[in-house]
Amino acid sequence: MIRLLIRIQKLLCCHRIQEANTEDMNVNRYSRQVILPDFGISAQEKLAASSVLVVGAGGLGCPALQLLVSSGIGKIGIVDFDFVEIQNLHRQFLFDEKDIGLPKVIVAERYLKSKNPETEIEIFNEKLTAQNGIGIIQNYDVVADCTDNFTTRYLLNDACFILKKPLVYASIFRYEGQVAVFNVEKENQITNYRDLFPVPPNQNEVPNCNEAGVLPTHSSVIGTFQANEVIKLLTGSGDILIHKLLTFNTKNYQSMVFNFNGNEKKSGPNTIEELQNFNYEEFCHIYKSNEITSLTGLEIFLDQEKSILIDVREPDEQPRLESLQALEIPLASLGQHLESLKPYDNICFVCASGIRSRKAMELIKNHFPEKEIRHFPSGAKSIVQ
């Protein structure tokens, strides 16, 4: 009798799904989530009517994007200005070897449209800045922070706070990840990233994935948690991580949830004008006085006598700088090659994104304060384009 009742119940579920089919949404695609007792057609319709902006198409953004598109979000925006590299492939599953050298957003759009043509995809092949951020963010219901640097993270947080946009935050460091939901009112308060972290750490204290390492399983787990919070937020289901920070360690499976409150003394811009005038680089301890910001400037610097460009990336990172005859000394072994730097009066460091090159610059400045030391934060890919 019990088996018969279960079978009848399943048939009724299938019948309801078929009746709920509309012109704009093929509910059969989402049948396995629609039949969840606390989800149903109403939750699916909320997803179809929602829009989500994902900032960063890397280790977190790739799993989050794939899951959000698969779940039936109506519109997805992707912000990223990077290109596909071979070291991305082990954890960024939207890309294949044939995509190396192509803009990430272009490849991601193509893949996601093939995954679910019902979701509208909008791409922004540009860096999120204080000047363009407001115009991009204001057109979306929820924002997912899948970035890997503090400058963009604080900018994104402040823009969402000013625009009153919910922000689903995630970050990873080696085997530990964090997830939280900001800018959503609960218990008569609204909290954001600055309540947890009023000031950023020194950039030397927190390496990125290129330096610290990451397993594809780890970025996928945390990206999945992040996408799950987006879905819960849009459908109003489950206990959402509002005023809570989830930490999860994939090495030992230890997880903790920390409750936190708003901080009335937190700094940060409160208006669009203040945001656009806020110096995020300086706030995050990134000073541009030692940067070479253009290819022309780099060429002029290297045209000086006793000048050299040093690539501090790992040997397998692409593209290589063969045409410039740059010295290749990975950051980890730079301290062992001080003798080879003595002949040069002018030294410029380059890496993939400016983080390691800045560290190299600061290291060598301590050893050779009399030399002219610079770094090229735009990265190697901008040199060979």
Protein backbone atom coordinates (compact mmCIF):
# COMPACT_ATOMS: atom_id res chain seq x y z
CA MET A 1 0.00 0.00 0.00
CA ILE A 2 2.84 2.41 0.89
CA ARG A 3 4.59 1.76 -2.44
CA LEU A 4 1.34 2.42 -4.32
CA LEU A 5 0.83 5.74 -2.51
CA ILE A 6 4.41 6.83 -3.33
CA ARG A 7 3.90 5.96 -7.00
CA ILE A 8 0.65 7.95 -7.15
CA GLN A 9 2.35 10.91 -5.49
CA LYS A 10 5.16 10.88 -8.08
CA LEU A 11 2.65 10.75 -10.93
CA LEU A 12 0.77 13.72 -9.47
CA CYS A 13 4.02 15.70 -9.22
CA CYS A 14 4.82 15.02 -12.87
CA HIS A 15 1.31 16.03 -13.87
CA ARG A 16 1.58 19.34 -12.01
CA ILE A 17 4.91 20.08 -13.70
CA GLN A 18 3.44 19.54 -17.16
CA GLU A 19 0.46 21.78 -16.40
CA ALA A 20 2.73 24.55 -15.13
CA ASN A 21 4.71 24.73 -18.36
CA THR A 22 4.69 28.25 -19.84
CA GLU A 23 5.87 29.87 -23.07
CA ASP A 24 8.86 31.47 -21.34
CA MET A 25 9.99 28.58 -19.17
CA ASN A 26 10.26 24.88 -19.91
CA VAL A 27 9.60 23.56 -16.42
CA ASN A 28 10.59 20.04 -17.45
CA ARG A 29 14.19 21.29 -17.52
CA TYR A 30 13.90 22.08 -13.80
CA SER A 31 11.62 19.21 -12.82
CA ARG A 32 13.97 17.71 -10.25
CA GLN A 33 14.11 20.92 -8.23
CA VAL A 34 10.47 21.88 -8.77
CA ILE A 35 9.26 18.65 -7.11
CA LEU A 36 11.05 19.56 -3.89
CA PRO A 37 8.29 20.05 -1.31
CA ASP A 38 9.58 23.45 -0.13
CA PHE A 39 10.49 24.72 -3.62
CA GLY A 40 7.83 24.17 -6.25
CA ILE A 41 6.73 26.21 -9.24
CA SER A 42 6.55 29.46 -7.27
CA ALA A 43 10.26 29.31 -6.42
CA GLN A 44 11.14 28.45 -10.02
CA GLU A 45 9.17 31.44 -11.27
CA LYS A 46 11.09 33.68 -8.86
CA LEU A 47 14.38 32.44 -10.29
CA ALA A 48 13.18 32.98 -13.85
CA ALA A 49 12.22 36.56 -13.00
CA SER A 50 15.55 37.32 -11.27
CA SER A 51 18.90 38.69 -12.41
CA VAL A 52 22.32 37.99 -10.91
CA LEU A 53 25.63 39.73 -11.58
CA VAL A 54 28.70 37.53 -11.09
CA VAL A 55 31.93 39.51 -10.71
CA GLY A 56 34.88 37.27 -11.53
CA ALA A 57 34.90 34.21 -13.81
CA GLY A 58 37.65 32.30 -12.05
CA GLY A 59 37.82 29.48 -9.54
CA LEU A 60 34.68 30.62 -7.69
CA GLY A 61 32.87 32.24 -10.59
CA CYS A 62 32.98 29.20 -12.88
CA PRO A 63 31.10 26.77 -10.59
CA ALA A 64 28.76 29.52 -9.39
CA LEU A 65 27.89 30.54 -12.96
CA GLN A 66 27.30 26.97 -14.11
CA LEU A 67 24.99 26.24 -11.19
CA LEU A 68 23.06 29.51 -11.39
CA VAL A 69 22.43 29.10 -15.11
CA SER A 70 21.43 25.45 -14.62
CA SER A 71 18.98 26.43 -11.88
CA GLY A 72 17.05 28.74 -14.23
CA ILE A 73 18.05 32.28 -13.29
CA GLY A 74 16.44 34.59 -15.84
CA LYS A 75 19.43 36.85 -16.47
CA ILE A 76 23.12 36.47 -15.62
CA GLY A 77 25.75 39.18 -15.95
CA ILE A 78 29.48 38.35 -15.97
CA VAL A 79 32.24 40.86 -15.25
CA ASP A 80 35.83 39.82 -15.97
CA PHE A 81 38.69 41.33 -17.99
CA ASP A 82 41.06 38.36 -17.91
CA PHE A 83 42.03 35.82 -20.56
CA VAL A 84 42.00 32.01 -20.34
CA GLU A 85 45.39 30.54 -19.38
CA ILE A 86 46.44 26.92 -19.13
CA GLN A 87 46.79 27.07 -15.33
CA ASN A 88 43.10 28.07 -15.12
CA LEU A 89 41.86 24.81 -16.62
CA HIS A 90 42.27 22.53 -13.60
CA ARG A 91 39.57 24.42 -11.64
CA GLN A 92 37.74 26.73 -14.07
CA PHE A 93 35.51 24.22 -15.81
CA LEU A 94 33.89 26.64 -18.26
CA PHE A 95 37.11 26.63 -20.29
CA ASP A 96 39.02 24.12 -22.44
CA GLU A 97 42.49 24.11 -24.00
CA LYS A 98 41.10 25.48 -27.25
CA ASP A 99 40.02 28.59 -25.32
CA ILE A 100 43.52 29.57 -24.13
CA GLY A 101 44.19 33.21 -24.98
CA LEU A 102 40.51 34.13 -25.39
CA PRO A 103 38.62 36.52 -23.09
CA LYS A 104 37.00 34.57 -20.27
CA VAL A 105 33.63 36.29 -20.60
CA ILE A 106 33.36 35.42 -24.30
CA VAL A 107 34.06 31.74 -23.65
CA ALA A 108 31.81 31.64 -20.58
CA GLU A 109 28.91 33.18 -22.48
CA ARG A 110 29.19 30.59 -25.26
CA TYR A 111 29.37 27.67 -22.84
CA LEU A 112 26.53 28.86 -20.60
CA LYS A 113 24.20 29.55 -23.52
CA SER A 114 24.72 25.96 -24.70
CA LYS A 115 23.98 24.78 -21.17
CA ASN A 116 20.70 26.67 -20.86
CA PRO A 117 19.51 28.90 -23.72
CA GLU A 118 16.61 30.11 -21.56
CA THR A 119 18.96 32.23 -19.43
CA GLU A 120 19.92 35.63 -20.84
CA ILE A 121 23.68 36.22 -20.59
CA GLU A 122 25.17 39.71 -20.50
CA ILE A 123 28.95 40.09 -20.48
CA PHE A 124 31.27 42.92 -19.45
CA ASN A 125 34.80 42.36 -20.75
CA GLU A 126 36.26 45.03 -18.49
CA LYS A 127 37.63 45.60 -15.02
CA LEU A 128 35.09 46.71 -12.44
CA THR A 129 36.01 50.23 -11.32
CA ALA A 130 34.55 53.03 -9.25
CA GLN A 131 33.60 54.73 -12.53
CA ASN A 132 31.75 51.87 -14.28
CA GLY A 133 30.64 49.81 -11.26
CA ILE A 134 27.45 51.68 -10.39
CA GLY A 135 26.15 51.56 -13.97
CA ILE A 136 26.71 47.80 -14.17
CA ILE A 137 25.51 46.76 -10.72
CA GLN A 138 22.31 48.80 -10.60
CA ASN A 139 20.65 46.64 -13.28
CA TYR A 140 20.79 43.39 -11.26
CA ASP A 141 18.83 42.02 -8.32
CA VAL A 142 21.72 40.22 -6.59
CA VAL A 143 25.50 40.41 -6.94
CA ALA A 144 27.94 37.52 -6.37
CA ASP A 145 31.46 38.48 -5.34
CA CYS A 146 33.78 35.92 -6.96
CA THR A 147 36.81 38.21 -7.00
CA ASP A 148 40.32 37.43 -5.79
CA ASN A 149 41.63 40.84 -4.67
CA PHE A 150 40.76 43.25 -1.89
CA THR A 151 40.58 46.37 -4.05
CA THR A 152 37.66 45.04 -6.09
CA ARG A 153 36.12 43.35 -3.06
CA TYR A 154 35.81 46.59 -1.06
CA LEU A 155 34.67 48.52 -4.14
CA LEU A 156 32.01 45.93 -4.89
CA ASN A 157 30.84 45.89 -1.28
CA ASP A 158 30.54 49.68 -1.13
CA ALA A 159 28.72 49.96 -4.46
CA CYS A 160 26.19 47.30 -3.40
CA PHE A 161 25.73 49.01 -0.03
CA ILE A 162 25.03 52.37 -1.67
CA LEU A 163 22.66 50.81 -4.23
CA LYS A 164 21.03 48.57 -1.58
CA LYS A 165 21.83 45.46 -3.60
CA PRO A 166 22.22 42.09 -1.83
CA LEU A 167 25.80 40.84 -2.12
CA VAL A 168 26.72 37.16 -1.77
CA TYR A 169 30.38 37.01 -0.83
CA ALA A 170 32.80 34.10 -1.06
CA SER A 171 36.57 33.76 -0.85
CA ILE A 172 39.12 30.96 -0.64
CA PHE A 173 42.59 30.59 0.82
CA ARG A 174 44.29 27.22 0.41
CA TYR A 175 41.92 24.73 2.10
CA GLU A 176 39.58 27.22 3.78
CA GLY A 177 36.69 29.14 2.30
CA GLN A 178 34.29 31.81 3.50
CA VAL A 179 30.70 32.62 2.49
CA ALA A 180 28.34 35.35 3.71
CA VAL A 181 25.38 37.43 2.54
CA PHE A 182 25.52 41.22 2.88
CA ASN A 183 23.17 44.20 2.51
CA VAL A 184 19.99 42.33 3.45
CA GLU A 185 17.91 43.63 6.34
CA LYS A 186 17.28 41.23 9.19
CA GLU A 187 16.56 41.86 12.85
CA ASN A 188 16.44 45.61 12.15
CA GLN A 189 19.99 45.87 10.86
CA ILE A 190 21.93 45.65 7.60
CA THR A 191 25.51 44.39 7.63
CA ASN A 192 28.21 44.27 4.98
CA TYR A 193 31.83 43.25 4.35
CA ARG A 194 33.22 46.25 6.26
CA ASP A 195 31.45 45.09 9.43
CA LEU A 196 33.51 41.91 9.29
CA PHE A 197 36.72 43.38 7.93
CA PRO A 198 36.90 47.16 8.56
CA VAL A 199 40.38 47.43 7.04
CA PRO A 200 42.16 45.23 4.50
CA PRO A 201 45.30 43.27 5.35
CA ASN A 202 48.63 44.21 3.91
CA GLN A 203 48.83 42.72 0.42
CA ASN A 204 52.05 40.90 1.36
CA GLU A 205 50.16 38.97 4.04
CA VAL A 206 47.54 37.37 1.78
CA PRO A 207 48.79 35.64 -1.40
CA ASN A 208 46.40 34.82 -4.24
CA CYS A 209 45.80 31.39 -5.75
CA ASN A 210 48.82 31.74 -8.05
CA GLU A 211 51.03 31.90 -4.97
CA ALA A 212 49.11 30.02 -2.26
CA GLY A 213 47.72 27.20 -4.43
CA VAL A 214 44.21 25.80 -4.66
CA LEU A 215 42.56 22.46 -5.36
CA PRO A 216 39.73 22.33 -7.90
CA THR A 217 37.58 20.50 -5.36
CA HIS A 218 37.96 23.36 -2.89
CA SER A 219 37.04 26.21 -5.24
CA SER A 220 34.13 24.13 -6.55
CA VAL A 221 32.76 23.46 -3.05
CA ILE A 222 32.90 27.11 -1.99
CA GLY A 223 31.53 28.29 -5.34
CA THR A 224 28.67 25.83 -4.88
CA PHE A 225 27.94 27.18 -1.40
CA GLN A 226 27.91 30.68 -2.86
CA ALA A 227 25.48 29.77 -5.66
CA ASN A 228 23.28 28.01 -3.12
CA GLU A 229 23.03 31.20 -1.04
CA VAL A 230 22.05 33.15 -4.16
CA ILE A 231 19.25 30.69 -4.91
CA LYS A 232 18.05 30.70 -1.29
CA LEU A 233 18.07 34.49 -1.25
CA LEU A 234 16.09 34.81 -4.49
CA THR A 235 13.50 32.19 -3.53
CA GLY A 236 13.26 33.11 0.15
CA SER A 237 13.96 29.54 1.23
CA GLY A 238 16.20 28.18 3.95
CA ASP A 239 18.33 29.85 6.59
CA ILE A 240 20.32 32.46 4.67
CA LEU A 241 23.78 33.55 5.85
CA ILE A 242 22.68 37.07 6.81
CA HIS A 243 24.78 38.53 9.66
CA LYS A 244 26.66 35.20 9.53
CA LEU A 245 30.03 34.11 8.17
CA LEU A 246 30.42 30.47 7.18
CA THR A 247 33.94 29.07 7.18
CA PHE A 248 34.55 25.64 5.69
CA ASN A 249 37.77 23.63 5.53
CA THR A 250 37.81 21.02 2.79
CA LYS A 251 40.88 19.30 4.22
CA ASN A 252 39.31 18.27 7.53
CA TYR A 253 35.63 19.14 6.87
CA GLN A 254 35.50 21.48 9.83
CA SER A 255 32.89 24.19 9.45
CA MET A 256 31.86 27.07 11.67
CA VAL A 257 29.27 29.82 11.45
CA PHE A 258 30.13 33.12 13.13
CA ASN A 259 27.42 35.64 13.96
CA PHE A 260 28.37 39.31 13.61
CA ASN A 261 26.68 42.68 14.04
CA GLY A 262 26.90 46.02 12.31
CA ASN A 263 29.73 48.38 13.14
CA GLU A 264 28.57 51.99 13.31
CA LYS A 265 32.17 53.25 13.11
CA LYS A 266 33.03 51.46 9.87
CA SER A 267 34.58 53.66 7.22
CA GLY A 268 33.75 53.79 3.54
CA PRO A 269 31.84 55.94 1.04
CA ASN A 270 28.12 56.53 1.55
CA THR A 271 27.22 58.13 -1.77
CA ILE A 272 27.99 57.46 -5.43
CA GLU A 273 30.13 60.60 -5.60
CA GLU A 274 32.12 59.55 -2.53
CA LEU A 275 32.63 56.08 -4.01
CA GLN A 276 33.93 57.44 -7.30
CA ASN A 277 36.41 59.65 -5.42
CA PHE A 278 37.50 56.95 -2.95
CA ASN A 279 41.08 55.74 -3.45
CA TYR A 280 40.69 51.96 -3.18
CA GLU A 281 44.29 51.26 -4.18
CA GLU A 282 45.62 53.42 -1.37
CA PHE A 283 43.07 52.02 1.10
CA CYS A 284 44.23 48.49 0.21
CA HIS A 285 47.91 49.48 0.51
CA ILE A 286 48.55 49.47 -3.23
CA TYR A 287 50.62 52.48 -4.12
CA LYS A 288 51.09 53.45 -7.76
CA SER A 289 54.16 55.64 -7.43
CA ASN A 290 56.37 52.65 -8.28
CA GLU A 291 54.19 51.34 -11.10
CA ILE A 292 54.75 51.57 -14.83
CA THR A 293 51.24 51.83 -16.21
CA SER A 294 51.67 51.70 -19.98
CA LEU A 295 53.62 49.79 -22.61
CA THR A 296 55.14 53.05 -23.79
CA GLY A 297 56.31 53.79 -20.28
CA LEU A 298 57.78 50.30 -20.02
CA GLU A 299 59.65 50.70 -23.30
CA ILE A 300 61.08 54.05 -22.18
CA PHE A 301 62.17 52.52 -18.86
CA LEU A 302 63.85 49.55 -20.56
CA ASP A 303 65.60 51.80 -23.13
CA GLN A 304 67.78 53.18 -20.35
CA GLU A 305 71.25 51.77 -19.92
CA LYS A 306 71.65 48.83 -17.54
CA SER A 307 67.90 48.12 -17.54
CA ILE A 308 66.16 44.76 -17.31
CA LEU A 309 62.66 43.27 -17.16
CA ILE A 310 62.28 40.32 -14.81
CA ASP A 311 59.38 37.87 -15.10
CA VAL A 312 58.64 36.45 -11.63
CA ARG A 313 55.93 33.99 -12.75
CA GLU A 314 56.35 30.24 -12.64
CA PRO A 315 57.90 28.57 -15.74
CA ASP A 316 54.59 27.04 -16.90
CA GLU A 317 52.62 30.30 -16.93
CA GLN A 318 51.73 31.76 -20.31
CA PRO A 319 52.30 33.83 -22.34
CA ARG A 320 56.08 33.91 -22.20
CA LEU A 321 58.01 37.13 -22.90
CA GLU A 322 60.51 35.74 -25.39
CA SER A 323 60.56 38.84 -27.62
CA LEU A 324 61.69 41.08 -24.75
CA GLN A 325 64.43 38.74 -23.54
CA ALA A 326 63.24 39.15 -19.97
CA LEU A 327 64.99 37.33 -17.18
CA GLU A 328 62.80 34.56 -15.78
CA ILE A 329 63.18 34.27 -12.00
CA PRO A 330 60.16 32.93 -10.08
CA LEU A 331 59.30 35.00 -7.02
CA ALA A 332 59.95 32.08 -4.65
CA SER A 333 63.60 31.89 -5.73
CA LEU A 334 64.25 35.60 -6.27
CA GLY A 335 66.20 35.95 -3.05
CA GLN A 336 68.68 33.34 -4.29
CA HIS A 337 69.51 35.37 -7.43
CA LEU A 338 70.50 38.70 -5.91
CA GLU A 339 73.99 38.45 -7.38
CA SER A 340 72.60 38.34 -10.93
CA LEU A 341 70.78 41.66 -10.36
CA LYS A 342 73.84 43.67 -9.36
CA PRO A 343 74.82 44.70 -12.94
CA TYR A 344 71.47 46.48 -13.48
CA ASP A 345 70.58 49.99 -12.34
CA ASN A 346 66.97 49.91 -13.54
CA ILE A 347 64.83 46.85 -12.82
CA CYS A 348 61.17 46.27 -13.62
CA PHE A 349 59.24 43.22 -12.46
CA VAL A 350 56.24 41.65 -14.15
CA CYS A 351 53.91 38.75 -13.28
CA ALA A 352 50.33 37.82 -14.21
CA SER A 353 48.33 40.44 -12.31
CA GLY A 354 50.72 42.75 -10.45
CA ILE A 355 50.67 41.09 -7.03
CA ARG A 356 53.87 39.06 -7.26
CA SER A 357 55.69 41.77 -9.23
CA ARG A 358 54.93 44.27 -6.45
CA LYS A 359 56.25 41.84 -3.82
CA ALA A 360 59.40 41.32 -5.90
CA MET A 361 59.86 45.07 -6.20
CA GLU A 362 59.59 45.56 -2.44
CA LEU A 363 61.97 42.68 -1.76
CA ILE A 364 64.67 43.96 -4.10
CA LYS A 365 64.27 47.54 -2.90
CA ASN A 366 65.31 46.39 0.56
CA HIS A 367 68.48 44.83 -0.86
CA PHE A 368 69.30 47.53 -3.43
CA PRO A 369 67.85 50.86 -2.22
CA GLU A 370 70.10 52.77 -4.61
CA LYS A 371 68.60 51.13 -7.73
CA GLU A 372 65.55 52.28 -9.68
CA ILE A 373 63.01 49.50 -9.05
CA ARG A 374 59.56 49.41 -10.68
CA HIS A 375 56.85 46.88 -11.52
CA PHE A 376 54.35 46.51 -14.36
CA PRO A 377 50.96 45.69 -12.73
CA SER A 378 49.06 45.13 -16.00
CA GLY A 379 50.78 41.78 -16.32
CA ALA A 380 52.54 39.78 -18.99
CA LYS A 381 49.45 39.27 -21.16
CA SER A 382 49.18 43.01 -21.81
CA ILE A 383 52.75 43.08 -23.10
CA VAL A 384 52.32 40.39 -25.76
CA GLN A 385 48.91 41.46 -27.07
